[in-house]
């Protein structure tokens, strides 16, 4: 259902997200990364963040579940963006950082523990992990997409089940898109 939404609305989604200024969040994510660090952009959508990280001098691998968005992200970023799901990630300790901006929120709540564990295994010790969810405490459907909303308590519970992953800090932000009035839970995590 959710993937089909992005297949059917890829142009609108691309245009609505590709130019959103995320620099306020990039700062928190990149401040401890070394130049050239390998970042996984998991659920990259338009490729906006992949391109930003490439422009900052990082190495980036990216994937998305929508072939229509993969096509647009390939063209926009100039790198090969893969068509994949979160559970296709099978690397072990490969990435210095993982970026999950507004992507994990489409994973059903019952599948989140397995998904987070696969991503945690792909992160190197000392690695940084960013994730964001719409702020809340329920599973819901809206406009052809499913959402798992997360608050601080739900995030703490999810992360407590991961080996060697700790939350560094969380913050609530307003949506960076001017036409939206939504709150987001942002989190920076680290692998010990």
Protein backbone atom coordinates (compact mmCIF):
# COMPACT_ATOMS: atom_id res chain seq x y z
CA UNK A 1 0.00 0.00 0.00
CA UNK A 2 2.61 2.59 1.04
CA UNK A 3 5.03 1.72 -1.77
CA UNK A 4 2.19 2.03 -4.28
CA UNK A 5 1.49 5.55 -3.00
CA UNK A 6 5.06 6.57 -3.84
CA UNK A 7 4.90 4.81 -7.20
CA UNK A 8 1.73 6.73 -8.08
CA UNK A 9 2.83 10.08 -6.63
CA UNK A 10 6.58 10.08 -7.32
CA UNK A 11 6.69 13.37 -9.21
CA UNK A 12 4.70 15.25 -6.56
CA UNK A 13 6.72 13.71 -3.74
CA UNK A 14 10.03 14.48 -5.46
CA UNK A 15 9.07 18.10 -6.13
CA UNK A 16 7.69 18.54 -2.61
CA UNK A 17 10.78 17.25 -0.83
CA UNK A 18 13.90 17.69 -2.98
CA UNK A 19 14.48 21.35 -2.07
CA UNK A 20 13.55 21.23 1.63
CA UNK A 21 16.36 22.71 3.74
CA UNK A 22 17.52 20.06 6.21
CA UNK A 23 20.79 21.74 7.22
CA UNK A 24 19.63 22.16 10.83
CA UNK A 25 19.44 18.35 11.12
CA UNK A 26 22.51 17.58 9.00
CA UNK A 27 24.62 19.46 11.57
CA UNK A 28 23.62 17.11 14.40
CA UNK A 29 24.21 14.04 12.24
CA UNK A 30 27.56 14.93 10.70
CA UNK A 31 29.35 16.72 13.53
CA UNK A 32 31.26 13.59 14.60
CA UNK A 33 31.78 12.06 11.14
CA UNK A 34 35.21 12.01 9.55
CA UNK A 35 35.64 13.32 6.03
CA UNK A 36 34.79 10.65 3.48
CA UNK A 37 32.83 8.54 5.99
CA UNK A 38 30.47 6.01 4.40
CA UNK A 39 26.82 6.85 5.02
CA UNK A 40 23.83 4.64 4.24
CA UNK A 41 20.77 6.70 3.26
CA UNK A 42 18.08 4.13 4.07
CA UNK A 43 14.82 5.02 2.36
CA UNK A 44 16.29 7.96 0.44
CA UNK A 45 13.13 9.15 -1.32
CA UNK A 46 14.04 11.98 -3.68
CA UNK A 47 17.77 11.64 -2.98
CA UNK A 48 17.90 15.10 -1.40
CA UNK A 49 19.93 13.99 1.62
CA UNK A 50 22.17 11.67 -0.39
CA UNK A 51 23.13 14.58 -2.65
CA UNK A 52 23.70 16.88 0.34
CA UNK A 53 26.04 14.35 1.98
CA UNK A 54 27.90 13.77 -1.29
CA UNK A 55 28.31 17.54 -1.65
CA UNK A 56 29.75 17.63 1.90
CA UNK A 57 32.45 15.12 0.88
CA UNK A 58 31.00 11.93 2.33
CA UNK A 59 30.66 8.59 0.55
CA UNK A 60 27.04 7.52 0.29
CA UNK A 61 25.10 4.38 -0.54
CA UNK A 62 21.35 4.81 -0.87
CA UNK A 63 18.24 2.76 -1.44
CA UNK A 64 14.48 3.17 -1.61
CA UNK A 65 11.54 0.78 -1.95
CA UNK A 66 9.86 2.73 -4.78
CA UNK A 67 11.31 2.12 -8.24
CA UNK A 68 9.89 5.48 -9.37
CA UNK A 69 11.75 7.32 -6.61
CA UNK A 70 14.90 5.27 -7.21
CA UNK A 71 14.83 6.43 -10.83
CA UNK A 72 14.51 10.09 -9.83
CA UNK A 73 17.11 9.79 -7.06
CA UNK A 74 19.58 8.16 -9.47
CA UNK A 75 19.26 11.08 -11.82
CA UNK A 76 19.34 13.72 -9.08
CA UNK A 77 22.31 12.35 -7.12
CA UNK A 78 24.44 10.96 -9.93
CA UNK A 79 25.04 7.71 -8.02
CA UNK A 80 23.42 4.31 -8.34
CA UNK A 81 20.55 4.24 -5.88
CA UNK A 82 19.37 0.69 -5.22
CA UNK A 83 15.83 -0.62 -5.24
CA UNK A 84 15.56 -2.36 -1.86
CA UNK A 85 13.69 -2.71 1.41
CA UNK A 86 15.12 -2.19 4.89
CA UNK A 87 15.18 -5.94 5.46
CA UNK A 88 17.40 -6.36 2.39
CA UNK A 89 20.24 -4.72 4.31
CA UNK A 90 22.62 -7.55 5.15
CA UNK A 91 25.95 -5.80 5.69
CA UNK A 92 27.83 -6.23 8.94
CA UNK A 93 29.65 -3.25 10.48
CA UNK A 94 30.00 -1.54 7.09
CA UNK A 95 28.75 2.03 7.60
CA UNK A 96 30.14 4.86 9.71
CA UNK A 97 26.66 6.39 9.71
CA UNK A 98 23.08 5.52 8.82
CA UNK A 99 20.48 8.14 7.89
CA UNK A 100 16.79 7.20 8.20
CA UNK A 101 14.95 10.46 7.61
CA UNK A 102 11.17 10.00 7.53
CA UNK A 103 11.57 6.45 6.23
CA UNK A 104 11.32 4.03 9.14
CA UNK A 105 7.92 5.53 9.94
CA UNK A 106 6.43 3.35 7.18
CA UNK A 107 7.62 0.10 8.78
CA UNK A 108 4.74 -1.61 10.62
CA UNK A 109 5.24 -1.50 14.36
CA UNK A 110 5.49 -5.29 14.68
CA UNK A 111 8.33 -5.32 12.11
CA UNK A 112 10.32 -2.43 13.57
CA UNK A 113 12.43 -4.49 16.03
CA UNK A 114 13.76 -6.78 13.26
CA UNK A 115 14.28 -3.85 10.89
CA UNK A 116 16.16 -1.80 13.47
CA UNK A 117 18.30 -4.81 14.39
CA UNK A 118 19.34 -5.33 10.74
CA UNK A 119 20.33 -1.67 10.44
CA UNK A 120 22.15 -1.74 13.78
CA UNK A 121 24.21 -4.71 12.58
CA UNK A 122 25.20 -2.74 9.46
CA UNK A 123 26.58 0.14 11.57
CA UNK A 124 30.23 0.13 12.62
CA UNK A 125 31.12 0.47 16.31
CA UNK A 126 31.29 4.18 17.07
CA UNK A 127 28.89 4.85 14.21
CA UNK A 128 26.16 7.49 14.19
CA UNK A 129 22.52 6.76 13.35
CA UNK A 130 19.81 9.34 12.69
CA UNK A 131 16.12 8.50 12.55
CA UNK A 132 12.93 10.50 12.53
CA UNK A 133 9.29 9.63 13.01
CA UNK A 134 6.08 11.60 13.07
CA UNK A 135 5.47 12.30 16.74
CA UNK A 136 2.85 10.12 18.38
CA UNK A 137 2.07 6.73 19.82
CA UNK A 138 0.04 4.73 17.34
CA UNK A 139 -0.04 2.83 14.08
CA UNK A 140 -2.29 4.55 11.52
CA UNK A 141 -3.17 4.89 7.86
CA UNK A 142 -3.55 8.15 5.99
CA UNK A 143 -3.96 8.91 2.29
CA UNK A 144 -2.85 5.46 1.13
CA UNK A 145 0.17 5.20 3.45
CA UNK A 146 0.70 3.45 6.76
CA UNK A 147 2.56 5.22 9.55
CA UNK A 148 4.08 4.11 12.82
CA UNK A 149 4.20 7.20 15.01
CA UNK A 150 6.82 7.22 17.75
CA UNK A 151 7.34 9.27 20.91
CA UNK A 152 10.30 9.23 23.29
CA UNK A 153 8.97 6.34 25.40
CA UNK A 154 8.29 4.14 22.37
CA UNK A 155 11.72 4.93 20.93
CA UNK A 156 13.46 4.11 24.22
CA UNK A 157 11.67 0.75 24.32
CA UNK A 158 12.62 -0.07 20.72
CA UNK A 159 16.27 0.88 21.18
CA UNK A 160 16.58 -0.96 24.51
CA UNK A 161 16.25 -4.22 22.58
CA UNK A 162 19.22 -3.46 20.29
CA UNK A 163 22.73 -4.64 21.10
CA UNK A 164 25.23 -1.85 21.75
CA UNK A 165 22.99 0.97 20.50
CA UNK A 166 22.30 3.97 22.69
CA UNK A 167 20.31 7.14 22.23
CA UNK A 168 22.56 10.21 22.42
CA UNK A 169 19.74 12.72 22.27
CA UNK A 170 16.28 13.33 20.88
CA UNK A 171 14.41 16.47 19.96
CA UNK A 172 11.03 17.43 18.62
CA UNK A 173 10.88 19.63 15.56
CA UNK A 174 8.32 21.19 13.28
CA UNK A 175 8.10 19.92 9.72
CA UNK A 176 10.68 21.70 7.53
CA UNK A 177 8.19 21.86 4.65
CA UNK A 178 6.38 25.21 4.84
CA UNK A 179 3.01 23.74 3.90
CA UNK A 180 3.03 21.21 6.76
CA UNK A 181 2.11 21.59 10.40
CA UNK A 182 3.41 18.34 11.89
CA UNK A 183 5.70 17.47 14.76
CA UNK A 184 8.62 15.06 14.34
CA UNK A 185 10.67 13.06 16.82
CA UNK A 186 14.33 13.18 15.78
CA UNK A 187 16.97 10.96 17.35
CA UNK A 188 20.73 10.61 17.18
CA UNK A 189 21.98 7.20 18.26
CA UNK A 190 25.45 5.70 18.50
CA UNK A 191 26.79 2.17 18.37
CA UNK A 192 29.14 1.37 21.25
